[in-house]
Amino acid sequence: MKNYSWKLRDIILVALLSIIFGIVYLGAVYLASFLTTVLTPFGLAPLGNEILFGIWFMVATLAAYILQKPGVAIVAEVLAALIEVLLGNFYGPMVIVAGIIQGAGAEIVFAAGRYRKFNWLTMLLAAAGCCVTSFVWGFFRSGFGLLSVKLLIVMFLIRLVSSVLFTGVISKLIGDGLARTGLLRSYALGQSEK
């Protein structure tokens, strides 16, 4: 039977990852704003955020991949969003709500596997889960319903590719790389690498 209780080292790791990714997320906000500006003259402004959207889910899958415990994806994502807001994200506290929704997308996938499967397929499905929950949230929060169906499909596909690349592939590679160094020996991922 797997032990799902959180230890102090788990809390510290999630906090550390959330701080790092809170900073990364804030940088991505400003980069997405720049991309949006560049794409505006071509009528493609809504795609500026979509290209980088997968970056904003990375801590959810990475932290959950390392700890492999319930709640990690949501907690890490919310803490990163809080850090991002405290550092000056111009979207404000609503980013924290988005963090809950995005983290839930990954959490649903990990829960479906009873927190026992953390392979490539699971990581990619968790990335897709973040994409879907965030897109549904965006549909209601950001008025996507006013956009054309064609643009919505393009936005979703770009967000999905971004999610799979950043949240699935890159997060798994980062976790695997950290595990190979031996830094994660006391975590589930480090123990499974033996």
N, C-alpha and C. Protein backbone atom coordinates (compact mmCIF):
# COMPACT_ATOMS: atom_id res chain seq x y z
N MET A 1 0.85 -1.19 0.00
CA MET A 1 0.00 0.00 0.00
C MET A 1 0.89 1.25 0.00
N LYS A 2 0.60 2.12 -0.89
CA LYS A 2 1.36 3.35 -1.03
C LYS A 2 1.02 4.34 0.09
N ASN A 3 2.03 5.02 0.61
CA ASN A 3 1.81 6.02 1.66
C ASN A 3 1.58 7.38 0.99
N TYR A 4 0.36 7.91 1.15
CA TYR A 4 0.02 9.17 0.50
C TYR A 4 0.12 10.38 1.42
N SER A 5 0.56 10.19 2.65
CA SER A 5 0.68 11.34 3.55
C SER A 5 1.87 12.21 3.12
N TRP A 6 1.72 13.49 3.34
CA TRP A 6 2.77 14.43 2.97
C TRP A 6 3.76 14.56 4.12
N LYS A 7 5.03 14.51 3.79
CA LYS A 7 6.09 14.74 4.78
C LYS A 7 6.59 16.17 4.60
N LEU A 8 7.37 16.64 5.56
CA LEU A 8 7.90 18.00 5.48
C LEU A 8 8.69 18.20 4.19
N ARG A 9 9.48 17.21 3.79
CA ARG A 9 10.28 17.34 2.56
C ARG A 9 9.39 17.49 1.33
N ASP A 10 8.20 16.86 1.35
CA ASP A 10 7.25 17.00 0.24
C ASP A 10 6.74 18.43 0.15
N ILE A 11 6.39 18.98 1.29
CA ILE A 11 5.89 20.36 1.35
C ILE A 11 6.96 21.33 0.86
N ILE A 12 8.20 21.11 1.31
CA ILE A 12 9.30 22.00 0.91
C ILE A 12 9.54 21.90 -0.60
N LEU A 13 9.52 20.68 -1.15
CA LEU A 13 9.74 20.51 -2.58
C LEU A 13 8.64 21.20 -3.39
N VAL A 14 7.39 20.99 -2.99
CA VAL A 14 6.28 21.62 -3.72
C VAL A 14 6.40 23.15 -3.63
N ALA A 15 6.75 23.66 -2.46
CA ALA A 15 6.92 25.11 -2.30
C ALA A 15 8.05 25.63 -3.19
N LEU A 16 9.16 24.92 -3.20
CA LEU A 16 10.31 25.34 -4.02
C LEU A 16 9.97 25.33 -5.50
N LEU A 17 9.35 24.24 -5.96
CA LEU A 17 8.94 24.16 -7.37
C LEU A 17 7.93 25.26 -7.72
N SER A 18 7.03 25.53 -6.80
CA SER A 18 6.01 26.57 -7.04
C SER A 18 6.63 27.95 -7.13
N ILE A 19 7.63 28.22 -6.32
CA ILE A 19 8.32 29.51 -6.40
C ILE A 19 9.03 29.64 -7.74
N ILE A 20 9.77 28.60 -8.12
CA ILE A 20 10.50 28.63 -9.40
C ILE A 20 9.52 28.83 -10.55
N PHE A 21 8.45 28.03 -10.56
CA PHE A 21 7.51 28.13 -11.69
C PHE A 21 6.64 29.37 -11.60
N GLY A 22 6.42 29.92 -10.44
CA GLY A 22 5.72 31.21 -10.33
C GLY A 22 6.49 32.29 -11.07
N ILE A 23 7.81 32.25 -10.94
CA ILE A 23 8.67 33.20 -11.66
C ILE A 23 8.64 32.92 -13.16
N VAL A 24 8.74 31.63 -13.52
CA VAL A 24 8.67 31.24 -14.94
C VAL A 24 7.33 31.67 -15.53
N TYR A 25 6.24 31.43 -14.79
CA TYR A 25 4.91 31.79 -15.28
C TYR A 25 4.80 33.29 -15.53
N LEU A 26 5.35 34.08 -14.61
CA LEU A 26 5.29 35.54 -14.79
C LEU A 26 6.06 35.95 -16.05
N GLY A 27 7.23 35.35 -16.26
CA GLY A 27 7.99 35.64 -17.48
C GLY A 27 7.20 35.25 -18.73
N ALA A 28 6.48 34.13 -18.65
CA ALA A 28 5.67 33.68 -19.79
C ALA A 28 4.53 34.66 -20.07
N VAL A 29 3.98 35.28 -19.03
CA VAL A 29 2.91 36.27 -19.22
C VAL A 29 3.41 37.43 -20.07
N TYR A 30 4.61 37.91 -19.75
CA TYR A 30 5.15 39.04 -20.49
C TYR A 30 5.58 38.63 -21.91
N LEU A 31 6.08 37.41 -22.06
CA LEU A 31 6.43 36.93 -23.40
C LEU A 31 5.18 36.74 -24.24
N ALA A 32 4.11 36.22 -23.64
CA ALA A 32 2.84 36.04 -24.37
C ALA A 32 2.26 37.39 -24.77
N SER A 33 2.40 38.38 -23.89
CA SER A 33 1.93 39.73 -24.21
C SER A 33 2.68 40.29 -25.42
N PHE A 34 3.98 40.04 -25.46
CA PHE A 34 4.79 40.46 -26.60
C PHE A 34 4.34 39.75 -27.88
N LEU A 35 4.14 38.42 -27.79
CA LEU A 35 3.68 37.66 -28.96
C LEU A 35 2.33 38.15 -29.46
N THR A 36 1.45 38.45 -28.51
CA THR A 36 0.12 38.96 -28.87
C THR A 36 0.25 40.28 -29.63
N THR A 37 1.12 41.13 -29.18
CA THR A 37 1.36 42.41 -29.85
C THR A 37 1.88 42.19 -31.27
N VAL A 38 2.81 41.27 -31.42
CA VAL A 38 3.39 40.98 -32.73
C VAL A 38 2.34 40.39 -33.68
N LEU A 39 1.45 39.56 -33.16
CA LEU A 39 0.44 38.90 -33.99
C LEU A 39 -0.79 39.76 -34.28
N THR A 40 -0.97 40.84 -33.54
CA THR A 40 -2.16 41.68 -33.69
C THR A 40 -2.35 42.24 -35.11
N PRO A 41 -1.31 42.78 -35.74
CA PRO A 41 -1.53 43.32 -37.10
C PRO A 41 -1.99 42.28 -38.12
N PHE A 42 -1.77 41.00 -37.81
CA PHE A 42 -2.16 39.93 -38.73
C PHE A 42 -3.53 39.34 -38.35
N GLY A 43 -4.18 39.94 -37.35
CA GLY A 43 -5.48 39.46 -36.89
C GLY A 43 -5.39 38.17 -36.09
N LEU A 44 -4.22 37.87 -35.56
CA LEU A 44 -4.00 36.61 -34.84
C LEU A 44 -3.70 36.83 -33.35
N ALA A 45 -4.11 37.96 -32.82
CA ALA A 45 -3.82 38.29 -31.41
C ALA A 45 -4.24 37.19 -30.44
N PRO A 46 -5.39 36.53 -30.62
CA PRO A 46 -5.78 35.49 -29.65
C PRO A 46 -4.81 34.31 -29.57
N LEU A 47 -3.94 34.16 -30.56
CA LEU A 47 -3.01 33.03 -30.56
C LEU A 47 -1.75 33.30 -29.75
N GLY A 48 -1.52 34.54 -29.36
CA GLY A 48 -0.31 34.90 -28.61
C GLY A 48 -0.16 34.11 -27.33
N ASN A 49 -1.23 34.02 -26.55
CA ASN A 49 -1.19 33.24 -25.31
C ASN A 49 -1.14 31.74 -25.60
N GLU A 50 -1.85 31.31 -26.62
CA GLU A 50 -2.00 29.87 -26.88
C GLU A 50 -0.66 29.19 -27.13
N ILE A 51 0.24 29.87 -27.81
CA ILE A 51 1.54 29.30 -28.15
C ILE A 51 2.30 28.89 -26.90
N LEU A 52 2.17 29.67 -25.84
CA LEU A 52 2.91 29.42 -24.60
C LEU A 52 2.07 28.81 -23.48
N PHE A 53 0.82 28.54 -23.73
CA PHE A 53 -0.10 28.17 -22.66
C PHE A 53 0.37 26.97 -21.85
N GLY A 54 1.00 26.01 -22.48
CA GLY A 54 1.47 24.82 -21.78
C GLY A 54 2.48 25.12 -20.68
N ILE A 55 3.17 26.22 -20.78
CA ILE A 55 4.13 26.60 -19.73
C ILE A 55 3.40 26.76 -18.40
N TRP A 56 2.17 27.30 -18.43
CA TRP A 56 1.45 27.61 -17.20
C TRP A 56 0.90 26.39 -16.47
N PHE A 57 1.12 25.19 -16.99
CA PHE A 57 0.68 23.97 -16.30
C PHE A 57 1.85 23.12 -15.82
N MET A 58 3.06 23.51 -16.12
CA MET A 58 4.21 22.64 -15.92
C MET A 58 4.41 22.16 -14.49
N VAL A 59 4.23 23.04 -13.53
CA VAL A 59 4.49 22.63 -12.14
C VAL A 59 3.49 21.58 -11.67
N ALA A 60 2.28 21.62 -12.20
CA ALA A 60 1.27 20.64 -11.79
C ALA A 60 1.73 19.23 -12.13
N THR A 61 2.19 19.02 -13.35
CA THR A 61 2.60 17.67 -13.73
C THR A 61 3.96 17.30 -13.16
N LEU A 62 4.88 18.25 -13.13
CA LEU A 62 6.23 17.95 -12.61
C LEU A 62 6.18 17.58 -11.13
N ALA A 63 5.53 18.38 -10.33
CA ALA A 63 5.45 18.10 -8.89
C ALA A 63 4.73 16.78 -8.63
N ALA A 64 3.64 16.54 -9.35
CA ALA A 64 2.89 15.29 -9.17
C ALA A 64 3.72 14.10 -9.64
N TYR A 65 4.48 14.26 -10.69
CA TYR A 65 5.34 13.19 -11.20
C TYR A 65 6.41 12.81 -10.17
N ILE A 66 6.95 13.81 -9.51
CA ILE A 66 8.01 13.55 -8.52
C ILE A 66 7.43 12.93 -7.24
N LEU A 67 6.35 13.49 -6.72
CA LEU A 67 5.80 13.01 -5.43
C LEU A 67 4.83 11.85 -5.57
N GLN A 68 4.03 11.84 -6.64
CA GLN A 68 3.07 10.79 -6.91
C GLN A 68 2.08 10.59 -5.75
N LYS A 69 1.51 11.71 -5.32
CA LYS A 69 0.54 11.70 -4.22
C LYS A 69 -0.67 12.55 -4.60
N PRO A 70 -1.84 12.23 -4.03
CA PRO A 70 -3.05 13.02 -4.30
C PRO A 70 -2.89 14.47 -3.88
N GLY A 71 -3.45 15.35 -4.69
CA GLY A 71 -3.50 16.77 -4.37
C GLY A 71 -2.29 17.58 -4.79
N VAL A 72 -1.20 16.92 -5.14
CA VAL A 72 0.04 17.64 -5.46
C VAL A 72 -0.13 18.56 -6.65
N ALA A 73 -0.79 18.10 -7.71
CA ALA A 73 -0.94 18.91 -8.92
C ALA A 73 -1.68 20.21 -8.63
N ILE A 74 -2.78 20.12 -7.89
CA ILE A 74 -3.56 21.33 -7.58
C ILE A 74 -2.79 22.25 -6.64
N VAL A 75 -2.22 21.69 -5.58
CA VAL A 75 -1.50 22.52 -4.60
C VAL A 75 -0.34 23.25 -5.27
N ALA A 76 0.46 22.54 -6.06
CA ALA A 76 1.61 23.15 -6.72
C ALA A 76 1.17 24.25 -7.69
N GLU A 77 0.12 23.99 -8.44
CA GLU A 77 -0.36 24.96 -9.42
C GLU A 77 -0.92 26.21 -8.74
N VAL A 78 -1.64 26.02 -7.65
CA VAL A 78 -2.21 27.17 -6.92
C VAL A 78 -1.10 28.00 -6.28
N LEU A 79 -0.13 27.33 -5.67
CA LEU A 79 0.99 28.07 -5.06
C LEU A 79 1.78 28.85 -6.11
N ALA A 80 2.03 28.24 -7.25
CA ALA A 80 2.75 28.94 -8.33
C ALA A 80 1.94 30.15 -8.81
N ALA A 81 0.63 29.98 -8.92
CA ALA A 81 -0.23 31.10 -9.33
C ALA A 81 -0.19 32.22 -8.29
N LEU A 82 -0.21 31.84 -7.01
CA LEU A 82 -0.13 32.84 -5.94
C LEU A 82 1.19 33.61 -6.01
N ILE A 83 2.29 32.90 -6.20
CA ILE A 83 3.60 33.55 -6.34
C ILE A 83 3.58 34.50 -7.53
N GLU A 84 3.03 34.02 -8.62
CA GLU A 84 2.94 34.84 -9.84
C GLU A 84 2.17 36.13 -9.58
N VAL A 85 1.06 36.03 -8.86
CA VAL A 85 0.25 37.21 -8.54
C VAL A 85 1.04 38.15 -7.62
N LEU A 86 1.68 37.59 -6.61
CA LEU A 86 2.45 38.42 -5.67
C LEU A 86 3.62 39.13 -6.35
N LEU A 87 4.14 38.53 -7.41
CA LEU A 87 5.23 39.15 -8.15
C LEU A 87 4.76 40.21 -9.14
N GLY A 88 3.44 40.31 -9.34
CA GLY A 88 2.94 41.39 -10.18
C GLY A 88 2.28 41.00 -11.47
N ASN A 89 1.74 39.79 -11.56
CA ASN A 89 1.00 39.40 -12.76
C ASN A 89 -0.14 40.38 -12.97
N PHE A 90 -0.24 40.94 -14.18
CA PHE A 90 -1.25 41.97 -14.42
C PHE A 90 -2.66 41.42 -14.57
N TYR A 91 -2.84 40.10 -14.54
CA TYR A 91 -4.19 39.53 -14.56
C TYR A 91 -4.80 39.48 -13.16
N GLY A 92 -3.99 39.64 -12.15
CA GLY A 92 -4.48 39.72 -10.77
C GLY A 92 -4.86 38.38 -10.17
N PRO A 93 -5.59 38.43 -9.06
CA PRO A 93 -5.93 37.23 -8.28
C PRO A 93 -6.73 36.17 -9.04
N MET A 94 -7.35 36.53 -10.15
CA MET A 94 -8.10 35.55 -10.92
C MET A 94 -7.18 34.43 -11.41
N VAL A 95 -5.88 34.70 -11.46
CA VAL A 95 -4.89 33.69 -11.85
C VAL A 95 -4.90 32.52 -10.85
N ILE A 96 -5.20 32.80 -9.60
CA ILE A 96 -5.25 31.74 -8.59
C ILE A 96 -6.41 30.78 -8.89
N VAL A 97 -7.55 31.33 -9.28
CA VAL A 97 -8.68 30.48 -9.67
C VAL A 97 -8.29 29.63 -10.88
N ALA A 98 -7.61 30.25 -11.83
CA ALA A 98 -7.14 29.51 -13.01
C ALA A 98 -6.20 28.39 -12.58
N GLY A 99 -5.37 28.66 -11.58
CA GLY A 99 -4.46 27.63 -11.07
C GLY A 99 -5.20 26.42 -10.53
N ILE A 100 -6.28 26.66 -9.83
CA ILE A 100 -7.10 25.55 -9.31
C ILE A 100 -7.64 24.72 -10.47
N ILE A 101 -8.17 25.40 -11.46
CA ILE A 101 -8.79 24.72 -12.61
C ILE A 101 -7.74 23.97 -13.43
N GLN A 102 -6.60 24.59 -13.65
CA GLN A 102 -5.54 23.95 -14.42
C GLN A 102 -4.98 22.74 -13.67
N GLY A 103 -4.71 22.91 -12.38
CA GLY A 103 -4.21 21.80 -11.58
C GLY A 103 -5.19 20.65 -11.53
N ALA A 104 -6.48 20.98 -11.51
CA ALA A 104 -7.51 19.94 -11.49
C ALA A 104 -7.48 19.09 -12.75
N GLY A 105 -7.13 19.70 -13.88
CA GLY A 105 -7.04 18.94 -15.13
C GLY A 105 -6.02 17.82 -15.05
N ALA A 106 -4.88 18.11 -14.43
CA ALA A 106 -3.86 17.06 -14.24
C ALA A 106 -4.28 16.10 -13.14
N GLU A 107 -4.82 16.64 -12.08
CA GLU A 107 -5.19 15.82 -10.91
C GLU A 107 -6.22 14.75 -11.29
N ILE A 108 -7.16 15.08 -12.14
CA ILE A 108 -8.18 14.12 -12.58
C ILE A 108 -7.53 12.92 -13.26
N VAL A 109 -6.54 13.19 -14.10
CA VAL A 109 -5.86 12.11 -14.82
C VAL A 109 -5.07 11.24 -13.85
N PHE A 110 -4.31 11.85 -12.95
CA PHE A 110 -3.52 11.07 -11.99
C PHE A 110 -4.44 10.28 -11.07
N ALA A 111 -5.56 10.86 -10.67
CA ALA A 111 -6.52 10.16 -9.80
C ALA A 111 -7.14 8.97 -10.53
N ALA A 112 -7.41 9.12 -11.82
CA ALA A 112 -7.98 8.02 -12.60
C ALA A 112 -7.04 6.81 -12.61
N GLY A 113 -5.74 7.07 -12.53
CA GLY A 113 -4.76 5.98 -12.45
C GLY A 113 -4.40 5.62 -11.03
N ARG A 114 -5.19 6.14 -10.08
CA ARG A 114 -5.00 5.89 -8.64
C ARG A 114 -3.60 6.25 -8.17
N TYR A 115 -3.00 7.24 -8.81
CA TYR A 115 -1.67 7.73 -8.46
C TYR A 115 -0.61 6.62 -8.49
N ARG A 116 -0.83 5.65 -9.39
CA ARG A 116 0.12 4.54 -9.51
C ARG A 116 0.86 4.56 -10.85
N LYS A 117 0.26 5.20 -11.86
CA LYS A 117 0.87 5.22 -13.19
C LYS A 117 1.41 6.62 -13.48
N PHE A 118 2.69 6.68 -13.70
CA PHE A 118 3.33 7.95 -14.05
C PHE A 118 4.31 7.69 -15.19
N ASN A 119 3.75 7.25 -16.31
CA ASN A 119 4.54 6.98 -17.50
C ASN A 119 4.29 8.07 -18.53
N TRP A 120 4.83 7.87 -19.73
CA TRP A 120 4.66 8.87 -20.79
C TRP A 120 3.19 9.14 -21.08
N LEU A 121 2.41 8.07 -21.21
CA LEU A 121 1.00 8.24 -21.55
C LEU A 121 0.27 9.05 -20.48
N THR A 122 0.51 8.73 -19.23
CA THR A 122 -0.15 9.45 -18.14
C THR A 122 0.23 10.92 -18.15
N MET A 123 1.51 11.20 -18.35
CA MET A 123 1.97 12.60 -18.36
C MET A 123 1.34 13.37 -19.52
N LEU A 124 1.25 12.73 -20.68
CA LEU A 124 0.65 13.40 -21.84
C LEU A 124 -0.85 13.60 -21.65
N LEU A 125 -1.51 12.62 -21.04
CA LEU A 125 -2.94 12.78 -20.75
C LEU A 125 -3.17 13.85 -19.69
N ALA A 126 -2.29 13.94 -18.70
CA ALA A 126 -2.40 15.00 -17.69
C ALA A 126 -2.23 16.37 -18.33
N ALA A 127 -1.30 16.47 -19.28
CA ALA A 127 -1.12 17.73 -20.02
C ALA A 127 -2.38 18.08 -20.79
N ALA A 128 -2.97 17.08 -21.44
CA ALA A 128 -4.22 17.30 -22.18
C ALA A 128 -5.35 17.68 -21.22
N GLY A 129 -5.36 17.07 -20.03
CA GLY A 129 -6.37 17.41 -19.02
C GLY A 129 -6.29 18.87 -18.62
N CYS A 130 -5.06 19.36 -18.42
CA CYS A 130 -4.87 20.79 -18.10
C CYS A 130 -5.37 21.67 -19.24
N CYS A 131 -5.08 21.25 -20.46
CA CYS A 131 -5.51 21.99 -21.64
C CYS A 131 -7.03 22.09 -21.68
N VAL A 132 -7.70 20.97 -21.49
CA VAL A 132 -9.16 20.95 -21.59
C VAL A 132 -9.81 21.79 -20.50
N THR A 133 -9.39 21.60 -19.24
CA THR A 133 -10.02 22.36 -18.15
C THR A 133 -9.76 23.85 -18.30
N SER A 134 -8.55 24.20 -18.73
CA SER A 134 -8.24 25.63 -18.89
C SER A 134 -9.02 26.23 -20.06
N PHE A 135 -9.23 25.44 -21.11
CA PHE A 135 -9.96 25.96 -22.27
C PHE A 135 -11.43 26.15 -21.94
N VAL A 136 -12.00 25.21 -21.21
CA VAL A 136 -13.40 25.37 -20.77
C VAL A 136 -13.53 26.61 -19.89
N TRP A 137 -12.59 26.78 -18.97
CA TRP A 137 -12.59 27.97 -18.10
C TRP A 137 -12.48 29.23 -18.96
N GLY A 138 -11.58 29.24 -19.93
CA GLY A 138 -11.43 30.38 -20.82
C GLY A 138 -12.68 30.67 -21.63
N PHE A 139 -13.38 29.61 -22.00
CA PHE A 139 -14.62 29.79 -22.77
C PHE A 139 -15.61 30.65 -21.98
N PHE A 140 -15.74 30.37 -20.70
CA PHE A 140 -16.68 31.14 -19.88
C PHE A 140 -16.08 32.44 -19.36
N ARG A 141 -14.84 32.41 -18.92
CA ARG A 141 -14.20 33.57 -18.30
C ARG A 141 -13.82 34.64 -19.32
N SER A 142 -13.31 34.19 -20.46
CA SER A 142 -12.77 35.14 -21.44
C SER A 142 -13.66 35.36 -22.65
N GLY A 143 -14.85 34.81 -22.63
CA GLY A 143 -15.79 35.06 -23.71
C GLY A 143 -15.43 34.41 -25.03
N PHE A 144 -14.84 33.21 -24.99
CA PHE A 144 -14.48 32.51 -26.22
C PHE A 144 -15.70 32.25 -27.09
N GLY A 145 -16.87 32.22 -26.50
CA GLY A 145 -18.09 31.96 -27.25
C GLY A 145 -18.37 33.01 -28.31
N LEU A 146 -17.75 34.17 -28.20
CA LEU A 146 -17.93 35.23 -29.19
C LEU A 146 -17.02 35.05 -30.41
N LEU A 147 -16.08 34.12 -30.32
CA LEU A 147 -15.14 33.89 -31.41
C LEU A 147 -15.72 32.89 -32.41
N SER A 148 -15.18 32.91 -33.60
CA SER A 148 -15.65 31.96 -34.63
C SER A 148 -15.23 30.54 -34.25
N VAL A 149 -15.98 29.57 -34.71
CA VAL A 149 -15.68 28.16 -34.43
C VAL A 149 -14.30 27.81 -34.98
N LYS A 150 -14.00 28.31 -36.17
CA LYS A 150 -12.70 28.02 -36.80
C LYS A 150 -11.55 28.53 -35.92
N LEU A 151 -11.67 29.75 -35.41
CA LEU A 151 -10.63 30.31 -34.54
C LEU A 151 -10.54 29.52 -33.24
N LEU A 152 -11.68 29.12 -32.68
CA LEU A 152 -11.68 28.33 -31.45
C LEU A 152 -10.95 27.00 -31.64
N ILE A 153 -11.18 26.35 -32.78
CA ILE A 153 -10.52 25.08 -33.06
C ILE A 153 -9.01 25.28 -33.17
N VAL A 154 -8.59 26.33 -33.88
CA VAL A 154 -7.16 26.62 -34.02
C VAL A 154 -6.56 26.93 -32.66
N MET A 155 -7.25 27.76 -31.85
CA MET A 155 -6.76 28.09 -30.51
C MET A 155 -6.59 26.83 -29.66
N PHE A 156 -7.60 25.97 -29.69
CA PHE A 156 -7.54 24.75 -28.88
C PHE A 156 -6.40 23.86 -29.33
N LEU A 157 -6.23 23.68 -30.64
CA LEU A 157 -5.17 22.81 -31.14
C LEU A 157 -3.78 23.34 -30.78
N ILE A 158 -3.61 24.65 -30.89
CA ILE A 158 -2.32 25.25 -30.52
C ILE A 158 -2.08 25.07 -29.03
N ARG A 159 -3.11 25.29 -28.21
CA ARG A 159 -2.97 25.12 -26.75
C ARG A 159 -2.66 23.65 -26.42
N LEU A 160 -3.29 22.73 -27.13
CA LEU A 160 -3.06 21.31 -26.89
C LEU A 160 -1.60 20.93 -27.21
N VAL A 161 -1.10 21.40 -28.34
CA VAL A 161 0.29 21.12 -28.72
C VAL A 161 1.23 21.73 -27.68
N SER A 162 0.98 22.96 -27.28
CA SER A 162 1.79 23.63 -26.27
C SER A 162 1.75 22.86 -24.95
N SER A 163 0.57 22.38 -24.58
CA SER A 163 0.42 21.63 -23.33
C SER A 163 1.19 20.33 -23.38
N VAL A 164 1.04 19.61 -24.47
CA VAL A 164 1.74 18.33 -24.59
C VAL A 164 3.25 18.55 -24.56
N LEU A 165 3.72 19.56 -25.28
CA LEU A 165 5.16 19.83 -25.33
C LEU A 165 5.71 20.25 -23.96
N PHE A 166 5.16 21.32 -23.40
CA PHE A 166 5.70 21.86 -22.15
C PHE A 166 5.30 21.02 -20.92
N THR A 167 4.01 20.77 -20.78
CA THR A 167 3.48 20.15 -19.57
C THR A 167 3.69 18.65 -19.54
N GLY A 168 3.65 18.02 -20.71
CA GLY A 168 3.86 16.59 -20.77
C GLY A 168 5.32 16.22 -20.98
N VAL A 169 5.85 16.56 -22.14
CA VAL A 169 7.19 16.13 -22.53
C VAL A 169 8.28 16.79 -21.68
N ILE A 170 8.31 18.11 -21.65
CA ILE A 170 9.41 18.79 -20.95
C ILE A 170 9.35 18.54 -19.45
N SER A 171 8.16 18.54 -18.85
CA SER A 171 8.06 18.26 -17.41
C SER A 171 8.56 16.85 -17.10
N LYS A 172 8.20 15.88 -17.92
CA LYS A 172 8.68 14.51 -17.68
C LYS A 172 10.18 14.42 -17.84
N LEU A 173 10.72 15.07 -18.85
CA LEU A 173 12.17 15.05 -19.05
C LEU A 173 12.91 15.72 -17.90
N ILE A 174 12.37 16.81 -17.38
CA ILE A 174 12.98 17.47 -16.22
C ILE A 174 12.96 16.53 -15.02
N GLY A 175 11.81 15.91 -14.75
CA GLY A 175 11.71 14.98 -13.64
C GLY A 175 12.67 13.81 -13.79
N ASP A 176 12.73 13.21 -14.98
CA ASP A 176 13.63 12.09 -15.21
C ASP A 176 15.09 12.51 -15.05
N GLY A 177 15.41 13.70 -15.53
CA GLY A 177 16.78 14.20 -15.39
C GLY A 177 17.15 14.42 -13.94
N LEU A 178 16.24 15.00 -13.17
CA LEU A 178 16.51 15.19 -11.73
C LEU A 178 16.65 13.85 -11.02
N ALA A 179 15.83 12.87 -11.39
CA ALA A 179 15.90 11.55 -10.76
C ALA A 179 17.25 10.88 -11.05
N ARG A 180 17.76 11.04 -12.27
CA ARG A 180 19.05 10.42 -12.62
C ARG A 180 20.20 11.00 -11.81
N THR A 181 20.08 12.25 -11.37
CA THR A 181 21.16 12.85 -10.59
C THR A 181 21.21 12.31 -9.17
N GLY A 182 20.14 11.69 -8.72
CA GLY A 182 20.08 11.20 -7.35
C GLY A 182 19.44 12.17 -6.38
N LEU A 183 19.09 13.36 -6.86
CA LEU A 183 18.49 14.38 -5.98
C LEU A 183 17.12 13.98 -5.45
N LEU A 184 16.46 13.06 -6.14
CA LEU A 184 15.09 12.70 -5.76
C LEU A 184 15.01 11.33 -5.09
N ARG A 185 16.11 10.87 -4.51
CA ARG A 185 16.14 9.54 -3.88
C ARG A 185 15.04 9.33 -2.85
N SER A 186 14.67 10.37 -2.14
CA SER A 186 13.67 10.22 -1.07
C SER A 186 12.24 10.46 -1.56
N TYR A 187 12.05 10.61 -2.86
CA TYR A 187 10.73 10.83 -3.43
C TYR A 187 10.33 9.62 -4.29
N ALA A 188 9.05 9.50 -4.54
CA ALA A 188 8.55 8.35 -5.31
C ALA A 188 9.25 8.20 -6.65
N LEU A 189 9.45 9.28 -7.38
CA LEU A 189 10.11 9.19 -8.69
C LEU A 189 11.53 8.68 -8.54
N GLY A 190 12.26 9.19 -7.58
CA GLY A 190 13.65 8.76 -7.36
C GLY A 190 13.75 7.31 -6.95
N GLN A 191 12.76 6.83 -6.24
CA GLN A 191 12.77 5.43 -5.80
C GLN A 191 12.39 4.49 -6.93
N SER A 192 11.58 4.97 -7.86
CA SER A 192 11.19 4.12 -8.99
C SER A 192 12.30 4.04 -10.03
N GLU A 193 13.29 4.93 -9.95
CA GLU A 193 14.40 4.96 -10.91
C GLU A 193 15.50 3.96 -10.55
N LYS A 194 15.38 3.28 -9.40
CA LYS A 194 16.43 2.35 -8.97
C LYS A 194 16.52 1.14 -9.86
